Structures are given as structure tokens and as C-alpha cells.
Amino acid sequence: MSAGLNAPISFLSTRYLSRPGLTRARFLQHQERALGKWLHRAVPKVPAFADAPAHLSMLPVMDKAQLMANFAQYNTQGITAVEVRRALKSGDQIGALTVGASTGTSGNQGLFVISDAERFRWLGSILAKTMADLLWHKQRVAILLPRGTGLYDSANQIQRLQLRFFDVTRGPDVWRAELETFDPTVIVAAPKVLRAMAEEKFSLRPLRVFSAAETLDPLDRPVIEAAFGRGLGQIYMATEGLFGTTCRHGRLHLAEDSVHFEFEPVGDGLVTPLISSFRRGTQILARYRMNDLLRLDPEPCSCGTPLQAVTEIVGRMDDCFHLHGARGLQMLTPDVLRNAVVMADHRISDFRVIQTGPRTVELALPADLPPGAGLAARHGLQSLFDARGLHAKIALTYGPLSLDVSRKLRRVECRAPSGKP
């Protein structure tokens, strides 16, 4: 079968498995069958899982550090991380396989290897989830991200799609005119880029706008939606794959039609996911621990899909603060810290909170913020620490919080040595 035929097949399969009216129980039966076939046929083909057991729960948990240290053990062709990085200097192919990488701006760089069939399968899935209703007419899709990938090239082989990649690391002044001339009907970009476009009043009239590649902060959503006159969708994806998209009712749903999720509780109603990508066979990710913090929605969505809804992607586990207090070392998640700042004063539209040491925190605010708002923000943080019996000195600074396209925006960030002081 031609690799390109995987796109329409995946499109139809994705629509079928996420359709309104399909019960959760029936969906899980479909997923269990697909997962079982993958465990039996695909997983044992890589050296790391040559003796894979019959049940997923019997596999060990893996993470990015383990994958990167033993990259060749997790793909069927024995391709090493060194070979992927070498190939990326001159393109994105190793033989018939497509390779790619994350930006590496938030820690260890992630790498992936996929076949042509998997590349088109990904395309069919994401089209089904994000713009199935738009494909009656030709669409111009603008992807504004720090790094391109061969994944996007396959989109231009679809007759009704014209996709163009814009390298945001070059800065808006370089690509603004080209973007406005392209006049995209669909835009996919990091929230910080969408907000910059909104504040700079780019001349754009998209039918659909999606945030991707970074955590969407509640501070940014209203600014972006007001500027574009559209509800803001989300695409939850990473180097490891596509993990979720927003439905027509504006709620984020996990891509359980291609990924099996297990959840590890971390407190305060938050979980971190273990993912098993059962539609991929070239590189195997089984019980792979993600670094994300999710708040799951216990209620079914009015859109009718059986897929699990997510209330919020809170942030990253390695951006949790760990502070000493009367009850020992305590963890504070990014959403708790963010709320302490933004709820202190309605004039706060941007900030940075950084843990710099075992007992030191820096609060950075825009230079033009009224002093009263800054003091209120510091008081909000201090009240949070006091309520939990935590000991931390807060350094308040004012200055420019300009757009940095070279790294992911993390308003809450832990820079304390070794992560846990």
C-alpha cells in the first residue's frame, strides 16, 4: 500500500473512533484490541522490548533520559542519537525514514524516527481532529515554530492544503510580511508568538487559530482571542507525538485513539501521563513518562466524544518549586504560583516567577507596571508561602519581559540546582 493512503485511512479511523455517541466502554474495547496487537506485533521488534510481556502493565516505565541514552535500542533500525543529529544537519532523512528533534530549549533535546506510513498516519489524524470541516475548500496553513520537520512536508501532498513553515527564531520582523501576504486560513503557533502577533496587530484573518508547543497560560488566551476574533484551540503535542486537541466546544481531549494513557497522581488533583503510542512501530514508546502536569476533567464533554477531557495543562514537573518549611520539603505546582501572582492585582498581564535557590525566589514584573501592583504580587506570593509554612526570600524586580523566540516561555520556572533543593 502506498504510504500516502495512510492519511485518508487515518482520517476516517480517527473520525470514527472519536465520533459523538460512541460510548466510553465501546471505545475502550477498540483501544484494547489495538493496544494488544501493538504489544504482540510491534513492541518486540526493538531490542529494548525483545522479551516484552503480554500485558502493558508488566513493562517497565521509561523516560526521556533512558530513551536518549539508549536511542538505538528503541527503534527497529538501530539508529543512534548521534546518527539522527548528524542527519539533521543536512536534512531530515535517514534512508526512507524521517527524523526530527525538539528545540531543546527547555532541557534535553528530544529526537524521533518515523516511517513514511507513520508520517501520513499522523497527518490524517491531526486533520481529522482540527479541521475536518474546513477541508471542503482549500486551506492555507501557517506553522510558526522554532524548528521545521518532515512531518509537515506531507501536508503539501494533500490537494486542498497549502502549508508553509515560518521559522520564529528569526524574529517577527523577518517573517511578518511573508506571513501577511500568505494570508493563512489556519495558524498554529506557540502562545507567546500568537500574543506578540496580537499585540503588534498583524493583518491576519484566520478561520482557525491553535496554540501549540508550549503551555497555554490563561493570561494569554483573552488577548489572543480578542485580536483574532476567534476562539483559541489547542494542539497538545511534543517530540513524542500528538497527545490532544481541542474539540468544537473548546475543550481539550486526549488523543486516545492512537495513544494509551496511564496517569500518576502528584497531588492537588494533578497527574503526569505515561504514554504508549500504539500506532507507531518504527520507534517504540511504551509506558513513557511525560514531564507534563495535567488536570483531568471528570465530566463528559457536550461534544459527545468518548475521549478523555483535560481541564488544563498546568505546566511541567521540573518547573514545580520545592521549598523548605516547618513540615519539610514541599512542592508547589506552576498553577498555584501563577494564581498567587495574577490574582493579586488585575493590572498584572505578564510576569516571571523563578526559584533560584533552596530558599530564594525571584519575581520579575514589567517595567511599566504600577508599583502598587508589584507589591501586591509579592504579597500574594508571600501569603502563599506563609499559609504553607514555607521559608523563601522573594526578590522583586522590574524590567522588560520581551519576546524571546530562542526558548520556550515559562512564566513559572525552577532554576534551583538539581531541581529539588
Protein backbone atom coordinates (compact mmCIF):
# COMPACT_ATOMS: atom_id res chain seq x y z
CA MET A 1 0.00 0.00 0.00
CA SER A 2 1.21 3.49 -0.85
CA ALA A 3 2.35 5.42 2.24
CA GLY A 4 0.12 8.33 1.23
CA LEU A 5 -3.01 6.19 1.54
CA ASN A 6 -2.41 6.09 5.30
CA ALA A 7 -3.57 9.71 5.53
CA PRO A 8 -7.21 9.16 4.43
CA ILE A 9 -7.38 5.85 6.28
CA SER A 10 -6.15 7.51 9.47
CA PHE A 11 -8.51 10.44 8.90
CA LEU A 12 -11.55 8.15 8.68
CA SER A 13 -10.42 5.95 11.58
CA THR A 14 -9.86 8.98 13.82
CA ARG A 15 -13.28 10.40 12.99
CA TYR A 16 -14.91 7.02 13.63
CA LEU A 17 -13.27 6.40 17.00
CA SER A 18 -13.91 9.91 18.33
CA ARG A 19 -17.45 10.24 16.97
CA PRO A 20 -20.28 11.55 19.16
CA GLY A 21 -22.43 8.78 20.54
CA LEU A 22 -19.70 6.16 20.83
CA THR A 23 -19.74 5.09 24.46
CA ARG A 24 -16.61 5.16 26.57
CA ALA A 25 -16.90 1.41 27.15
CA ARG A 26 -17.09 0.63 23.41
CA PHE A 27 -14.19 2.97 22.70
CA LEU A 28 -12.02 1.28 25.32
CA GLN A 29 -12.76 -2.08 23.70
CA HIS A 30 -11.44 -0.72 20.38
CA GLN A 31 -8.39 0.71 22.11
CA GLU A 32 -7.65 -2.51 23.99
CA ARG A 33 -7.68 -4.53 20.76
CA ALA A 34 -5.33 -2.10 19.01
CA LEU A 35 -3.04 -1.99 22.04
CA GLY A 36 -2.91 -5.79 22.21
CA LYS A 37 -1.93 -6.11 18.54
CA TRP A 38 0.80 -3.49 19.01
CA LEU A 39 2.20 -5.24 22.09
CA HIS A 40 2.27 -8.56 20.25
CA ARG A 41 3.50 -7.43 16.82
CA ALA A 42 5.42 -4.15 17.06
CA VAL A 43 6.89 -3.80 20.54
CA PRO A 44 9.09 -6.95 20.49
CA LYS A 45 10.77 -5.80 17.25
CA VAL A 46 13.01 -3.34 19.11
CA PRO A 47 15.90 -4.61 21.28
CA ALA A 48 14.71 -2.82 24.42
CA PHE A 49 11.49 -4.84 24.43
CA ALA A 50 12.63 -8.08 22.78
CA ASP A 51 11.16 -10.02 25.70
CA ALA A 52 8.05 -7.87 26.04
CA PRO A 53 5.35 -9.42 28.26
CA ALA A 54 1.78 -9.90 27.13
CA HIS A 55 0.36 -7.11 29.26
CA LEU A 56 1.30 -3.43 29.17
CA SER A 57 1.34 -3.13 32.96
CA MET A 58 4.23 -5.61 33.09
CA LEU A 59 6.54 -3.34 31.08
CA PRO A 60 8.94 -1.06 32.98
CA VAL A 61 8.34 2.69 32.93
CA MET A 62 10.74 4.58 30.64
CA ASP A 63 11.58 8.28 30.34
CA LYS A 64 13.41 10.70 28.04
CA ALA A 65 16.80 10.26 29.73
CA GLN A 66 16.59 6.50 29.27
CA LEU A 67 15.45 6.84 25.65
CA MET A 68 18.21 9.27 24.71
CA ALA A 69 20.92 7.23 26.44
CA ASN A 70 19.90 4.07 24.57
CA PHE A 71 18.26 5.52 21.46
CA ALA A 72 19.16 2.65 19.11
CA GLN A 73 17.53 0.13 21.45
CA TYR A 74 14.09 1.69 20.95
CA ASN A 75 13.83 1.75 17.14
CA THR A 76 13.67 -1.09 14.65
CA GLN A 77 16.58 0.13 12.52
CA GLY A 78 19.14 0.53 15.32
CA ILE A 79 19.56 4.23 14.51
CA THR A 80 21.60 6.07 17.15
CA ALA A 81 21.04 9.56 18.53
CA VAL A 82 24.38 10.59 17.01
CA GLU A 83 23.18 9.49 13.57
CA VAL A 84 19.95 11.46 13.95
CA ARG A 85 21.78 14.65 14.94
CA ARG A 86 24.20 14.19 12.05
CA ALA A 87 21.32 13.73 9.58
CA LEU A 88 19.54 16.84 10.87
CA LYS A 89 22.50 19.00 9.84
CA SER A 90 21.78 18.27 6.18
CA GLY A 91 18.08 17.45 6.14
CA ASP A 92 15.69 15.16 7.95
CA GLN A 93 16.09 11.75 6.31
CA ILE A 94 17.97 8.57 7.13
CA GLY A 95 17.20 6.33 4.19
CA ALA A 96 13.43 6.14 3.88
CA LEU A 97 12.87 7.30 7.46
CA THR A 98 12.11 10.81 8.66
CA VAL A 99 13.98 12.04 11.74
CA GLY A 100 13.38 15.13 13.82
CA ALA A 101 14.16 16.92 17.05
CA SER A 102 12.66 19.24 19.59
CA THR A 103 14.14 22.69 20.05
CA GLY A 104 15.92 21.58 23.22
CA THR A 105 15.22 24.99 24.74
CA SER A 106 13.69 23.58 27.90
CA GLY A 107 16.24 20.90 28.74
CA ASN A 108 17.28 17.71 26.99
CA GLN A 109 16.61 17.72 23.27
CA GLY A 110 14.18 15.02 22.16
CA LEU A 111 14.64 13.04 18.93
CA PHE A 112 12.25 10.92 16.88
CA VAL A 113 12.30 8.45 13.98
CA ILE A 114 9.21 7.65 11.89
CA SER A 115 8.38 5.88 8.65
CA ASP A 116 6.53 7.41 5.70
CA ALA A 117 3.41 5.44 6.62
CA GLU A 118 3.51 6.83 10.17
CA ARG A 119 4.09 10.34 8.85
CA PHE A 120 0.91 10.20 6.76
CA ARG A 121 -0.96 8.49 9.57
CA TRP A 122 -0.09 11.45 11.82
CA LEU A 123 -1.28 13.86 9.13
CA GLY A 124 -4.64 12.13 8.74
CA SER A 125 -5.17 12.12 12.48
CA ILE A 126 -4.39 15.78 13.07
CA LEU A 127 -6.51 16.89 10.10
CA ALA A 128 -9.45 14.86 11.40
CA LYS A 129 -9.13 16.43 14.82
CA THR A 130 -8.51 20.06 13.92
CA MET A 131 -10.00 20.99 10.55
CA ALA A 132 -12.16 18.21 9.13
CA ASP A 133 -14.98 20.68 8.49
CA LEU A 134 -12.69 23.07 6.59
CA LEU A 135 -11.40 20.62 4.00
CA TRP A 136 -14.26 21.24 1.57
CA HIS A 137 -12.23 24.24 0.44
CA LYS A 138 -8.50 24.79 0.01
CA GLN A 139 -6.83 25.95 3.20
CA ARG A 140 -3.59 27.83 3.77
CA VAL A 141 -1.94 26.64 6.97
CA ALA A 142 0.85 28.62 8.63
CA ILE A 143 3.06 26.76 11.10
CA LEU A 144 5.09 29.17 13.25
CA LEU A 145 7.50 27.13 15.35
CA PRO A 146 11.24 27.14 16.15
CA ARG A 147 12.01 24.03 14.12
CA GLY A 148 10.56 22.51 10.96
CA THR A 149 10.12 18.79 10.41
CA GLY A 150 9.40 16.38 7.60
CA LEU A 151 6.07 15.73 9.29
CA TYR A 152 4.78 18.98 7.84
CA ASP A 153 6.02 18.25 4.30
CA SER A 154 3.43 15.51 3.88
CA ALA A 155 0.63 18.07 4.24
CA ASN A 156 1.54 19.71 0.94
CA GLN A 157 0.76 16.43 -0.82
CA ILE A 158 -2.91 16.91 0.09
CA GLN A 159 -4.67 18.71 -2.77
CA ARG A 160 -6.69 21.06 -0.58
CA LEU A 161 -3.84 22.05 1.72
CA GLN A 162 -1.08 24.59 1.25
CA LEU A 163 1.20 24.57 4.27
CA ARG A 164 4.03 26.98 4.92
CA PHE A 165 6.52 26.84 7.77
CA PHE A 166 7.81 30.05 9.37
CA ASP A 167 10.96 29.86 11.50
CA VAL A 168 10.09 32.00 14.51
CA THR A 169 13.69 32.01 15.75
CA ARG A 170 14.43 34.58 13.04
CA GLY A 171 12.12 37.09 14.74
CA PRO A 172 8.79 38.65 13.62
CA ASP A 173 10.45 41.45 11.66
CA VAL A 174 11.87 38.86 9.25
CA TRP A 175 8.72 36.86 8.50
CA ARG A 176 5.82 39.23 9.22
CA ALA A 177 5.40 40.50 5.65
CA GLU A 178 5.58 36.99 4.17
CA LEU A 179 3.03 35.72 6.69
CA GLU A 180 0.57 38.53 5.99
CA THR A 181 0.95 38.01 2.22
CA PHE A 182 0.35 34.27 2.64
CA ASP A 183 -2.89 35.21 4.47
CA PRO A 184 -3.32 31.88 6.28
CA THR A 185 -6.75 30.47 6.99
CA VAL A 186 -5.30 28.34 9.81
CA ILE A 187 -2.49 29.38 12.16
CA VAL A 188 -0.54 27.10 14.51
CA ALA A 189 1.97 28.80 16.81
CA ALA A 190 3.26 28.96 20.36
CA PRO A 191 1.10 31.13 22.65
CA LYS A 192 3.88 33.70 23.11
CA VAL A 193 4.09 34.14 19.32
CA LEU A 194 0.32 34.42 18.96
CA ARG A 195 0.25 37.04 21.71
CA ALA A 196 3.06 39.01 20.08
CA MET A 197 1.16 38.94 16.79
CA ALA A 198 -1.96 40.12 18.60
CA GLU A 199 -0.22 42.98 20.37
CA GLU A 200 1.57 44.07 17.18
CA LYS A 201 -1.76 43.98 15.32
CA PHE A 202 -0.73 41.69 12.46
CA SER A 203 -3.07 41.97 9.48
CA LEU A 204 -4.47 38.43 9.53
CA ARG A 205 -7.95 36.92 9.19
CA PRO A 206 -7.66 33.22 10.00
CA LEU A 207 -10.65 30.92 10.25
CA ARG A 208 -8.95 28.94 12.99
CA VAL A 209 -6.09 29.58 15.43
CA PHE A 210 -4.27 26.96 17.51
CA SER A 211 -1.69 27.27 20.26
CA ALA A 212 0.95 24.55 20.31
CA ALA A 213 4.44 23.64 21.56
CA GLU A 214 4.10 25.48 24.90
CA THR A 215 1.76 25.57 27.86
CA LEU A 216 -1.13 27.93 27.18
CA ASP A 217 -1.26 30.40 30.06
CA PRO A 218 -4.73 31.77 30.99
CA LEU A 219 -3.16 35.25 30.81
CA ASP A 220 -2.66 34.93 27.06
CA ARG A 221 -5.93 33.41 25.90
CA PRO A 222 -8.18 36.52 26.12
CA VAL A 223 -5.58 38.72 24.41
CA ILE A 224 -5.20 36.28 21.51
CA GLU A 225 -8.92 35.61 21.12
CA ALA A 226 -9.79 39.30 21.14
CA ALA A 227 -7.20 40.09 18.47
CA PHE A 228 -8.20 37.33 16.06
CA GLY A 229 -11.90 37.35 16.82
CA ARG A 230 -11.85 33.57 17.18
CA GLY A 231 -11.84 31.04 19.96
CA LEU A 232 -8.33 29.72 20.56
CA GLY A 233 -7.83 25.99 20.07
CA GLN A 234 -5.03 23.90 21.49
CA ILE A 235 -2.84 21.21 19.98
CA TYR A 236 -1.12 19.22 22.69
CA MET A 237 1.94 17.74 21.01
CA ALA A 238 5.61 17.12 21.66
CA THR A 239 8.56 15.37 20.08
CA GLU A 240 6.98 12.16 21.31
CA GLY A 241 3.79 12.67 19.27
CA LEU A 242 0.30 14.15 19.14
CA PHE A 243 -1.43 13.88 22.51
CA GLY A 244 -4.54 16.03 22.34
CA THR A 245 -6.61 18.63 20.52
CA THR A 246 -9.49 20.96 21.25
CA CYS A 247 -13.00 19.91 20.19
CA ARG A 248 -15.60 22.22 18.67
CA HIS A 249 -16.84 23.05 22.18
CA GLY A 250 -13.42 24.35 23.18
CA ARG A 251 -12.38 21.51 25.48
CA LEU A 252 -9.10 19.68 25.15
CA HIS A 253 -9.35 15.92 24.58
CA LEU A 254 -6.55 13.37 24.72
CA ALA A 255 -5.67 11.51 21.51
CA GLU A 256 -6.62 8.15 22.98
CA ASP A 257 -7.40 6.78 19.52
CA SER A 258 -3.63 6.47 18.94
CA VAL A 259 -2.08 6.78 22.41
CA HIS A 260 -2.82 4.84 25.59
CA PHE A 261 -2.56 6.98 28.73
CA GLU A 262 -1.84 5.93 32.29
CA PHE A 263 -1.78 8.58 35.00
CA GLU A 264 0.46 9.01 38.02
CA PRO A 265 -1.03 11.29 40.72
CA VAL A 266 1.22 14.06 42.03
CA GLY A 267 -1.17 15.79 44.45
CA ASP A 268 -3.67 18.66 44.30
CA GLY A 269 -5.72 16.73 41.73
CA LEU A 270 -2.89 16.74 39.17
CA VAL A 271 -1.42 13.83 37.24
CA THR A 272 1.53 13.11 34.99
CA PRO A 273 0.91 10.81 32.00
CA LEU A 274 2.62 7.61 30.96
CA ILE A 275 2.07 7.26 27.22
CA SER A 276 2.15 4.22 24.95
CA SER A 277 1.93 5.18 21.25
CA PHE A 278 0.27 2.09 19.79
CA ARG A 279 0.03 3.42 16.22
CA ARG A 280 3.80 3.70 15.89
CA GLY A 281 6.12 0.82 15.09
CA THR A 282 9.45 2.29 13.96
CA GLN A 283 10.29 3.88 17.32
CA ILE A 284 8.60 2.34 20.34
CA LEU A 285 7.40 4.48 23.22
CA ALA A 286 5.81 2.19 25.80
CA ARG A 287 4.90 3.43 29.27
CA TYR A 288 6.94 6.55 28.55
CA ARG A 289 6.77 9.10 31.37
CA MET A 290 5.98 12.60 30.17
CA ASN A 291 7.06 15.67 32.10
CA ASP A 292 3.66 17.37 31.88
CA LEU A 293 1.22 18.19 34.65
CA LEU A 294 -2.43 17.66 33.70
CA ARG A 295 -5.71 18.31 35.44
CA LEU A 296 -8.22 15.81 34.07
CA ASP A 297 -11.89 16.69 33.67
CA PRO A 298 -14.14 14.12 35.36
CA GLU A 299 -17.19 15.22 33.37
CA PRO A 300 -18.01 14.07 29.81
CA CYS A 301 -17.91 16.78 27.16
CA SER A 302 -21.08 18.02 25.47
CA CYS A 303 -19.41 17.37 22.10
CA GLY A 304 -20.20 13.69 22.69
CA THR A 305 -16.76 12.20 22.07
CA PRO A 306 -15.66 9.29 24.27
CA LEU A 307 -12.13 10.73 24.53
CA GLN A 308 -10.91 11.90 27.96
CA ALA A 309 -11.22 15.64 28.50
CA VAL A 310 -8.49 17.73 30.13
CA THR A 311 -9.33 20.81 32.16
CA GLU A 312 -5.84 22.26 31.94
CA ILE A 313 -2.24 21.53 31.07
CA VAL A 314 -0.75 23.16 34.13
CA GLY A 315 2.92 23.06 33.18
CA ARG A 316 5.95 20.85 33.61
CA MET A 317 7.00 18.73 36.54
CA ASP A 318 10.50 20.21 36.52
CA ASP A 319 9.04 23.70 36.96
CA CYS A 320 7.46 22.84 40.29
CA PHE A 321 9.04 24.69 43.19
CA HIS A 322 10.44 22.70 46.12
CA LEU A 323 10.72 24.87 49.23
CA HIS A 324 11.64 24.10 52.82
CA GLY A 325 9.16 24.65 55.61
CA ALA A 326 8.03 23.53 59.02
CA ARG A 327 6.81 20.23 57.51
CA GLY A 328 9.93 19.60 55.46
CA LEU A 329 10.33 19.98 51.71
CA GLN A 330 7.08 20.87 49.94
CA MET A 331 6.19 21.04 46.26
CA LEU A 332 4.29 23.94 44.67
CA THR A 333 2.91 23.44 41.16
CA PRO A 334 3.09 26.17 38.48
CA ASP A 335 -0.65 26.90 38.53
CA VAL A 336 -0.65 27.63 42.27
CA LEU A 337 2.27 30.04 41.92
CA ARG A 338 0.77 31.70 38.84
CA ASN A 339 -2.58 32.25 40.56
CA ALA A 340 -0.90 33.80 43.60
CA VAL A 341 0.60 36.46 41.32
CA VAL A 342 -2.16 37.22 38.80
CA MET A 343 -4.98 37.20 41.34
CA ALA A 344 -3.15 39.78 43.44
CA ASP A 345 -3.91 42.64 41.03
CA HIS A 346 -5.90 42.77 37.77
CA ARG A 347 -3.25 45.01 36.18
CA ILE A 348 -0.71 42.18 36.04
CA SER A 349 -0.63 40.95 32.43
CA ASP A 350 2.82 39.35 32.45
CA PHE A 351 5.34 38.09 35.00
CA ARG A 352 8.11 35.61 35.72
CA VAL A 353 8.47 33.65 38.97
CA ILE A 354 11.76 31.77 39.24
CA GLN A 355 13.09 29.63 42.06
CA THR A 356 16.79 30.43 42.07
CA GLY A 357 17.89 28.52 45.16
CA PRO A 358 16.73 26.42 48.13
CA ARG A 359 15.13 29.44 49.80
CA THR A 360 15.20 32.17 47.16
CA VAL A 361 12.57 33.19 44.62
CA GLU A 362 12.69 35.95 42.03
CA LEU A 363 9.54 37.77 40.94
CA ALA A 364 10.07 39.74 37.71
CA LEU A 365 7.40 42.17 36.51
CA PRO A 366 7.06 44.58 33.55
CA ALA A 367 8.85 47.89 33.96
CA ASP A 368 5.66 49.89 33.37
CA LEU A 369 3.59 48.08 35.99
CA PRO A 370 2.40 50.44 38.75
CA PRO A 371 4.40 49.87 41.96
CA GLY A 372 1.25 49.06 43.91
CA ALA A 373 0.51 46.12 41.64
CA GLY A 374 4.04 44.81 42.04
CA LEU A 375 3.87 44.98 45.81
CA ALA A 376 0.50 43.23 45.71
CA ALA A 377 2.02 40.43 43.61
CA ARG A 378 4.88 39.97 46.06
CA HIS A 379 2.41 39.97 48.92
CA GLY A 380 0.35 37.34 47.10
CA LEU A 381 3.37 35.06 46.82
CA GLN A 382 4.42 35.70 50.41
CA SER A 383 0.91 34.91 51.64
CA LEU A 384 1.01 31.62 49.75
CA PHE A 385 4.34 30.70 51.32
CA ASP A 386 3.21 31.75 54.80
CA ALA A 387 -0.02 29.75 54.55
CA ARG A 388 2.01 26.63 53.84
CA GLY A 389 4.72 27.36 56.39
CA LEU A 390 7.40 27.76 53.73
CA HIS A 391 10.60 29.76 54.06
CA ALA A 392 11.63 31.75 50.99
CA LYS A 393 13.04 35.20 50.34
CA ILE A 394 11.33 36.97 47.42
CA ALA A 395 13.38 39.36 45.28
CA LEU A 396 11.11 41.74 43.33
CA THR A 397 12.49 43.19 40.08
CA TYR A 398 11.05 45.36 37.30
CA GLY A 399 12.24 45.32 33.71
CA PRO A 400 11.42 44.38 30.12
CA LEU A 401 9.81 40.98 29.66
CA SER A 402 10.40 40.89 25.93
CA LEU A 403 9.62 38.11 23.46
CA ASP A 404 12.42 35.55 23.40
CA VAL A 405 11.92 33.29 20.38
CA SER A 406 15.02 31.23 21.19
CA ARG A 407 13.40 29.39 24.11
CA LYS A 408 10.04 28.28 25.39
CA LEU A 409 8.14 30.76 27.51
CA ARG A 410 7.97 29.56 31.09
CA ARG A 411 6.43 32.14 33.40
CA VAL A 412 7.00 29.82 36.34
CA GLU A 413 10.40 28.17 36.29
CA CYS A 414 12.62 26.29 38.72
CA ARG A 415 16.31 27.03 38.24
CA ALA A 416 17.41 25.77 41.63
CA PRO A 417 20.41 23.42 41.28
CA SER A 418 19.42 19.76 40.81
CA GLY A 419 15.75 20.68 40.54
CA LYS A 420 14.92 19.69 44.14
CA PRO A 421 16.89 21.80 46.60
